[in-house]
N, C-alpha and C. Protein backbone atom coordinates (compact mmCIF):
# COMPACT_ATOMS: atom_id res chain seq x y z
N MET A 1 10.17 -15.43 -6.80
CA MET A 1 9.52 -14.23 -7.25
C MET A 1 10.58 -13.29 -7.83
N ASP A 2 10.24 -12.68 -8.92
CA ASP A 2 11.13 -11.75 -9.59
C ASP A 2 10.76 -10.34 -9.16
N ILE A 3 11.69 -9.61 -8.57
CA ILE A 3 11.44 -8.26 -8.10
C ILE A 3 12.25 -7.29 -8.96
N LYS A 4 11.57 -6.26 -9.47
CA LYS A 4 12.21 -5.26 -10.31
C LYS A 4 11.96 -3.88 -9.75
N LEU A 5 12.93 -3.02 -9.87
CA LEU A 5 12.79 -1.62 -9.48
C LEU A 5 12.48 -0.81 -10.73
N LEU A 6 11.33 -0.16 -10.72
CA LEU A 6 10.90 0.64 -11.86
C LEU A 6 10.51 2.02 -11.37
N SER A 7 10.51 2.96 -12.25
CA SER A 7 10.00 4.28 -11.88
C SER A 7 8.77 4.57 -12.73
N GLY A 8 7.89 5.36 -12.17
CA GLY A 8 6.67 5.71 -12.89
C GLY A 8 5.57 6.02 -11.90
N ALA A 9 4.44 6.43 -12.43
CA ALA A 9 3.30 6.78 -11.60
C ALA A 9 2.58 5.52 -11.15
N LEU A 10 2.40 5.38 -9.85
CA LEU A 10 1.76 4.18 -9.29
C LEU A 10 0.33 4.02 -9.81
N ASP A 11 -0.36 5.12 -10.00
CA ASP A 11 -1.74 5.04 -10.46
C ASP A 11 -1.85 4.68 -11.94
N GLN A 12 -0.72 4.55 -12.62
CA GLN A 12 -0.71 4.14 -14.03
C GLN A 12 -0.20 2.70 -14.20
N ALA A 13 0.12 2.03 -13.11
CA ALA A 13 0.68 0.68 -13.18
C ALA A 13 -0.39 -0.34 -13.56
N ALA A 14 -0.18 -1.02 -14.67
CA ALA A 14 -1.10 -2.06 -15.13
C ALA A 14 -0.65 -3.39 -14.52
N VAL A 15 -1.02 -3.60 -13.26
CA VAL A 15 -0.60 -4.77 -12.50
C VAL A 15 -1.81 -5.45 -11.88
N ASP A 16 -1.58 -6.62 -11.32
CA ASP A 16 -2.67 -7.32 -10.63
C ASP A 16 -3.03 -6.65 -9.31
N ALA A 17 -2.04 -6.04 -8.65
CA ALA A 17 -2.31 -5.38 -7.36
C ALA A 17 -1.33 -4.25 -7.11
N ILE A 18 -1.86 -3.17 -6.57
CA ILE A 18 -1.06 -2.06 -6.08
C ILE A 18 -1.08 -2.13 -4.57
N LEU A 19 0.08 -2.00 -3.94
CA LEU A 19 0.16 -1.97 -2.48
C LEU A 19 0.20 -0.53 -2.01
N VAL A 20 -0.65 -0.20 -1.06
CA VAL A 20 -0.68 1.14 -0.46
C VAL A 20 -0.49 0.96 1.04
N ALA A 21 0.62 1.47 1.56
CA ALA A 21 0.96 1.31 2.98
C ALA A 21 0.56 2.55 3.76
N LEU A 22 -0.06 2.32 4.93
CA LEU A 22 -0.53 3.42 5.76
C LEU A 22 -0.17 3.17 7.23
N PHE A 23 0.20 4.24 7.90
CA PHE A 23 0.45 4.14 9.34
C PHE A 23 -0.86 4.06 10.10
N GLU A 24 -0.79 3.50 11.30
CA GLU A 24 -1.96 3.37 12.15
C GLU A 24 -2.51 4.74 12.49
N ASN A 25 -3.82 4.89 12.31
CA ASN A 25 -4.51 6.15 12.58
C ASN A 25 -3.76 7.32 11.96
N GLY A 26 -3.35 7.13 10.70
CA GLY A 26 -2.51 8.10 10.02
C GLY A 26 -3.14 9.44 9.72
N GLY A 27 -4.46 9.52 9.75
CA GLY A 27 -5.10 10.80 9.48
C GLY A 27 -5.11 11.15 8.01
N ASP A 28 -4.54 12.26 7.66
CA ASP A 28 -4.56 12.73 6.28
C ASP A 28 -3.71 11.84 5.38
N LEU A 29 -4.20 11.62 4.18
CA LEU A 29 -3.47 10.83 3.19
C LEU A 29 -2.46 11.73 2.49
N SER A 30 -1.33 11.14 2.11
CA SER A 30 -0.33 11.87 1.36
C SER A 30 0.38 10.91 0.41
N GLY A 31 1.16 11.47 -0.47
CA GLY A 31 1.97 10.67 -1.39
C GLY A 31 1.15 9.71 -2.23
N ALA A 32 1.63 8.46 -2.30
CA ALA A 32 0.98 7.44 -3.12
C ALA A 32 -0.45 7.18 -2.66
N ALA A 33 -0.69 7.19 -1.35
CA ALA A 33 -2.04 6.95 -0.84
C ALA A 33 -3.01 8.02 -1.33
N GLU A 34 -2.56 9.26 -1.32
CA GLU A 34 -3.41 10.36 -1.79
C GLU A 34 -3.70 10.22 -3.28
N THR A 35 -2.68 9.85 -4.05
CA THR A 35 -2.85 9.66 -5.49
C THR A 35 -3.86 8.56 -5.79
N ILE A 36 -3.73 7.44 -5.10
CA ILE A 36 -4.64 6.32 -5.31
C ILE A 36 -6.05 6.68 -4.83
N ASN A 37 -6.16 7.35 -3.70
CA ASN A 37 -7.46 7.77 -3.20
C ASN A 37 -8.16 8.67 -4.21
N THR A 38 -7.44 9.62 -4.79
CA THR A 38 -8.03 10.51 -5.78
C THR A 38 -8.51 9.72 -7.00
N ALA A 39 -7.69 8.79 -7.47
CA ALA A 39 -8.07 7.97 -8.62
C ALA A 39 -9.31 7.14 -8.33
N LEU A 40 -9.48 6.73 -7.08
CA LEU A 40 -10.62 5.90 -6.69
C LEU A 40 -11.83 6.74 -6.25
N GLY A 41 -11.77 8.03 -6.47
CA GLY A 41 -12.89 8.88 -6.11
C GLY A 41 -13.16 8.96 -4.62
N GLY A 42 -12.10 8.82 -3.81
CA GLY A 42 -12.22 8.92 -2.37
C GLY A 42 -12.53 7.62 -1.65
N ALA A 43 -12.51 6.51 -2.35
CA ALA A 43 -12.87 5.22 -1.74
C ALA A 43 -11.91 4.82 -0.62
N LEU A 44 -10.64 5.11 -0.77
CA LEU A 44 -9.67 4.76 0.28
C LEU A 44 -9.99 5.54 1.56
N LYS A 45 -10.25 6.81 1.43
CA LYS A 45 -10.61 7.64 2.59
C LYS A 45 -11.90 7.16 3.23
N ASP A 46 -12.84 6.70 2.42
CA ASP A 46 -14.10 6.16 2.94
C ASP A 46 -13.86 4.94 3.82
N VAL A 47 -12.96 4.06 3.40
CA VAL A 47 -12.63 2.86 4.19
C VAL A 47 -12.00 3.27 5.52
N LEU A 48 -11.13 4.26 5.49
CA LEU A 48 -10.50 4.75 6.72
C LEU A 48 -11.52 5.42 7.64
N ASP A 49 -12.34 6.28 7.08
CA ASP A 49 -13.34 7.00 7.87
C ASP A 49 -14.35 6.06 8.51
N ALA A 50 -14.67 4.97 7.83
CA ALA A 50 -15.61 3.98 8.37
C ALA A 50 -14.99 3.12 9.46
N GLY A 51 -13.66 3.17 9.58
CA GLY A 51 -12.98 2.34 10.57
C GLY A 51 -12.75 0.91 10.12
N ASP A 52 -12.99 0.64 8.83
CA ASP A 52 -12.79 -0.71 8.31
C ASP A 52 -11.32 -1.06 8.16
N PHE A 53 -10.48 -0.04 8.10
CA PHE A 53 -9.03 -0.24 8.04
C PHE A 53 -8.40 0.81 8.95
N THR A 54 -7.57 0.35 9.90
CA THR A 54 -6.98 1.27 10.87
C THR A 54 -5.48 1.45 10.71
N GLY A 55 -4.83 0.59 9.91
CA GLY A 55 -3.39 0.68 9.72
C GLY A 55 -2.58 -0.08 10.74
N LYS A 56 -3.23 -0.93 11.54
CA LYS A 56 -2.47 -1.76 12.48
C LYS A 56 -1.43 -2.58 11.72
N LEU A 57 -0.33 -2.85 12.36
CA LEU A 57 0.77 -3.56 11.69
C LEU A 57 0.28 -4.84 11.03
N SER A 58 0.54 -4.95 9.75
CA SER A 58 0.25 -6.11 8.90
C SER A 58 -1.22 -6.31 8.58
N GLN A 59 -2.09 -5.39 9.00
CA GLN A 59 -3.50 -5.47 8.62
C GLN A 59 -3.61 -5.26 7.12
N THR A 60 -4.46 -6.00 6.46
CA THR A 60 -4.67 -5.82 5.03
C THR A 60 -6.15 -5.63 4.73
N SER A 61 -6.40 -4.96 3.63
CA SER A 61 -7.75 -4.78 3.11
C SER A 61 -7.63 -4.64 1.60
N VAL A 62 -8.62 -5.10 0.89
CA VAL A 62 -8.56 -5.07 -0.58
C VAL A 62 -9.68 -4.19 -1.13
N LEU A 63 -9.31 -3.32 -2.06
CA LEU A 63 -10.27 -2.49 -2.78
C LEU A 63 -10.19 -2.87 -4.26
N TYR A 64 -11.32 -2.76 -4.94
CA TYR A 64 -11.39 -3.08 -6.36
C TYR A 64 -11.68 -1.80 -7.15
N PRO A 65 -10.72 -1.38 -7.98
CA PRO A 65 -10.83 -0.09 -8.68
C PRO A 65 -11.96 0.04 -9.70
N ARG A 66 -12.48 -1.06 -10.21
CA ARG A 66 -13.58 -1.03 -11.19
C ARG A 66 -13.30 -0.08 -12.35
N GLY A 67 -12.09 -0.20 -12.88
CA GLY A 67 -11.72 0.59 -14.05
C GLY A 67 -11.16 1.97 -13.76
N ALA A 68 -11.17 2.41 -12.51
CA ALA A 68 -10.62 3.73 -12.18
C ALA A 68 -9.10 3.75 -12.26
N LEU A 69 -8.49 2.58 -12.18
CA LEU A 69 -7.04 2.40 -12.30
C LEU A 69 -6.78 1.24 -13.24
N PRO A 70 -5.62 1.18 -13.86
CA PRO A 70 -5.29 0.01 -14.67
C PRO A 70 -5.11 -1.26 -13.81
N ALA A 71 -4.78 -1.10 -12.54
CA ALA A 71 -4.57 -2.24 -11.64
C ALA A 71 -5.91 -2.92 -11.34
N ARG A 72 -5.85 -4.23 -11.10
CA ARG A 72 -7.06 -4.99 -10.80
C ARG A 72 -7.49 -4.85 -9.35
N ARG A 73 -6.53 -4.62 -8.45
CA ARG A 73 -6.82 -4.51 -7.02
C ARG A 73 -5.90 -3.48 -6.38
N VAL A 74 -6.35 -2.95 -5.25
CA VAL A 74 -5.51 -2.13 -4.38
C VAL A 74 -5.51 -2.83 -3.04
N ILE A 75 -4.32 -3.19 -2.57
CA ILE A 75 -4.20 -3.84 -1.26
C ILE A 75 -3.65 -2.83 -0.28
N LEU A 76 -4.44 -2.51 0.74
CA LEU A 76 -3.98 -1.64 1.81
C LEU A 76 -3.20 -2.47 2.81
N ILE A 77 -2.10 -1.93 3.30
CA ILE A 77 -1.28 -2.64 4.29
C ILE A 77 -0.96 -1.69 5.43
N GLY A 78 -1.16 -2.17 6.64
CA GLY A 78 -0.89 -1.37 7.83
C GLY A 78 0.58 -1.43 8.24
N LEU A 79 1.13 -0.26 8.54
CA LEU A 79 2.52 -0.15 8.99
C LEU A 79 2.64 -0.05 10.51
N GLY A 80 1.53 -0.02 11.21
CA GLY A 80 1.58 0.13 12.66
C GLY A 80 1.78 1.59 13.04
N LYS A 81 2.16 1.80 14.30
CA LYS A 81 2.34 3.17 14.81
C LYS A 81 3.61 3.79 14.24
N LYS A 82 3.48 5.03 13.84
CA LYS A 82 4.61 5.71 13.21
C LYS A 82 5.81 5.82 14.14
N ASP A 83 5.58 6.03 15.44
CA ASP A 83 6.70 6.17 16.37
C ASP A 83 7.38 4.84 16.68
N SER A 84 6.80 3.73 16.23
CA SER A 84 7.40 2.40 16.44
C SER A 84 7.94 1.82 15.13
N PHE A 85 7.94 2.60 14.07
CA PHE A 85 8.29 2.12 12.74
C PHE A 85 9.79 1.87 12.62
N THR A 86 10.15 0.67 12.18
CA THR A 86 11.55 0.29 11.94
C THR A 86 11.63 -0.48 10.63
N ALA A 87 12.84 -0.77 10.21
CA ALA A 87 13.02 -1.59 9.01
C ALA A 87 12.38 -2.97 9.21
N ASP A 88 12.43 -3.49 10.42
CA ASP A 88 11.83 -4.80 10.70
C ASP A 88 10.31 -4.75 10.57
N THR A 89 9.67 -3.69 11.10
CA THR A 89 8.22 -3.61 10.96
C THR A 89 7.82 -3.42 9.49
N LEU A 90 8.64 -2.71 8.74
CA LEU A 90 8.39 -2.56 7.30
C LEU A 90 8.45 -3.92 6.62
N ARG A 91 9.46 -4.72 6.93
CA ARG A 91 9.58 -6.06 6.34
C ARG A 91 8.36 -6.92 6.69
N ARG A 92 7.94 -6.87 7.94
CA ARG A 92 6.77 -7.67 8.37
C ARG A 92 5.51 -7.23 7.62
N ALA A 93 5.31 -5.93 7.53
CA ALA A 93 4.12 -5.41 6.85
C ALA A 93 4.11 -5.80 5.37
N MET A 94 5.24 -5.61 4.71
CA MET A 94 5.29 -5.91 3.28
C MET A 94 5.19 -7.42 3.02
N ALA A 95 5.70 -8.23 3.94
CA ALA A 95 5.53 -9.68 3.81
C ALA A 95 4.05 -10.04 3.88
N SER A 96 3.32 -9.42 4.79
CA SER A 96 1.88 -9.67 4.89
C SER A 96 1.16 -9.23 3.61
N ALA A 97 1.56 -8.09 3.08
CA ALA A 97 0.95 -7.60 1.84
C ALA A 97 1.20 -8.56 0.69
N MET A 98 2.42 -9.05 0.59
CA MET A 98 2.75 -9.98 -0.49
C MET A 98 2.05 -11.32 -0.32
N GLN A 99 1.87 -11.76 0.92
CA GLN A 99 1.10 -12.98 1.16
C GLN A 99 -0.34 -12.81 0.70
N LYS A 100 -0.92 -11.63 0.99
CA LYS A 100 -2.28 -11.35 0.55
C LYS A 100 -2.34 -11.33 -0.97
N ALA A 101 -1.36 -10.70 -1.61
CA ALA A 101 -1.31 -10.68 -3.07
C ALA A 101 -1.21 -12.09 -3.63
N ARG A 102 -0.38 -12.91 -3.02
CA ARG A 102 -0.24 -14.30 -3.46
C ARG A 102 -1.56 -15.05 -3.29
N ASP A 103 -2.24 -14.85 -2.15
CA ASP A 103 -3.52 -15.51 -1.91
C ASP A 103 -4.56 -15.12 -2.96
N LEU A 104 -4.45 -13.89 -3.47
CA LEU A 104 -5.35 -13.40 -4.51
C LEU A 104 -4.87 -13.77 -5.91
N LYS A 105 -3.79 -14.56 -5.96
CA LYS A 105 -3.20 -15.04 -7.21
C LYS A 105 -2.66 -13.91 -8.09
N ALA A 106 -2.22 -12.83 -7.46
CA ALA A 106 -1.60 -11.73 -8.19
C ALA A 106 -0.22 -12.16 -8.68
N LYS A 107 0.04 -11.94 -9.93
CA LYS A 107 1.35 -12.28 -10.49
C LYS A 107 2.23 -11.05 -10.60
N THR A 108 1.62 -9.86 -10.68
CA THR A 108 2.38 -8.62 -10.75
C THR A 108 1.85 -7.66 -9.67
N VAL A 109 2.79 -7.02 -8.99
CA VAL A 109 2.46 -6.13 -7.87
C VAL A 109 3.32 -4.87 -7.99
N ALA A 110 2.73 -3.73 -7.67
CA ALA A 110 3.48 -2.47 -7.66
C ALA A 110 3.28 -1.78 -6.32
N SER A 111 4.32 -1.06 -5.90
CA SER A 111 4.26 -0.31 -4.66
C SER A 111 5.18 0.90 -4.77
N ALA A 112 4.81 1.95 -4.09
CA ALA A 112 5.73 3.07 -3.95
C ALA A 112 6.82 2.64 -2.97
N LEU A 113 7.92 3.35 -2.96
CA LEU A 113 8.98 3.08 -1.99
C LEU A 113 8.46 3.52 -0.62
N VAL A 114 8.19 2.54 0.23
CA VAL A 114 7.57 2.79 1.53
C VAL A 114 8.63 3.03 2.59
N GLY A 115 8.44 4.04 3.41
CA GLY A 115 9.31 4.27 4.55
C GLY A 115 10.58 5.04 4.28
N ALA A 116 10.74 5.58 3.09
CA ALA A 116 11.98 6.28 2.76
C ALA A 116 12.19 7.50 3.65
N ALA A 117 11.12 8.22 3.97
CA ALA A 117 11.26 9.41 4.81
C ALA A 117 11.71 9.05 6.22
N GLU A 118 11.24 7.93 6.75
CA GLU A 118 11.56 7.52 8.11
C GLU A 118 12.87 6.74 8.20
N LEU A 119 13.15 5.90 7.20
CA LEU A 119 14.30 4.99 7.27
C LEU A 119 15.44 5.35 6.33
N GLY A 120 15.19 6.25 5.40
CA GLY A 120 16.15 6.52 4.34
C GLY A 120 15.86 5.60 3.18
N ALA A 121 16.12 6.06 1.97
CA ALA A 121 15.79 5.29 0.76
C ALA A 121 16.49 3.93 0.73
N ARG A 122 17.75 3.88 1.13
CA ARG A 122 18.49 2.61 1.09
C ARG A 122 17.85 1.55 1.98
N ASN A 123 17.52 1.89 3.21
CA ASN A 123 16.90 0.93 4.12
C ASN A 123 15.49 0.58 3.70
N ALA A 124 14.76 1.55 3.18
CA ALA A 124 13.39 1.30 2.75
C ALA A 124 13.35 0.33 1.55
N ALA A 125 14.31 0.49 0.66
CA ALA A 125 14.37 -0.39 -0.51
C ALA A 125 14.70 -1.80 -0.08
């Protein structure tokens, strides 16, 4: 797999899948999750409010933007509990997300830099 570091707005990425990482029972959306939720007309928040996605470590769920985003899919990935978050849990969560993307035959995937606030940008990358 070819991995590239790019800058730009996640909601403008014309990719097969956008990854959105959320902590368990995270409550309010912020950052990339908030941007994607707004673009989807609140669909991400609806999935959370319904309890269909809780953010447990490595949990995944797929949303289909139906033209609201250039991306074909949004894959939600659970980061687990915020107080237990480490570089290792980030690796496990992102591996699960990429496996889901592969299972969906996604060839291009975009994600915000996950965990930079908790781990520092270098460790998160």
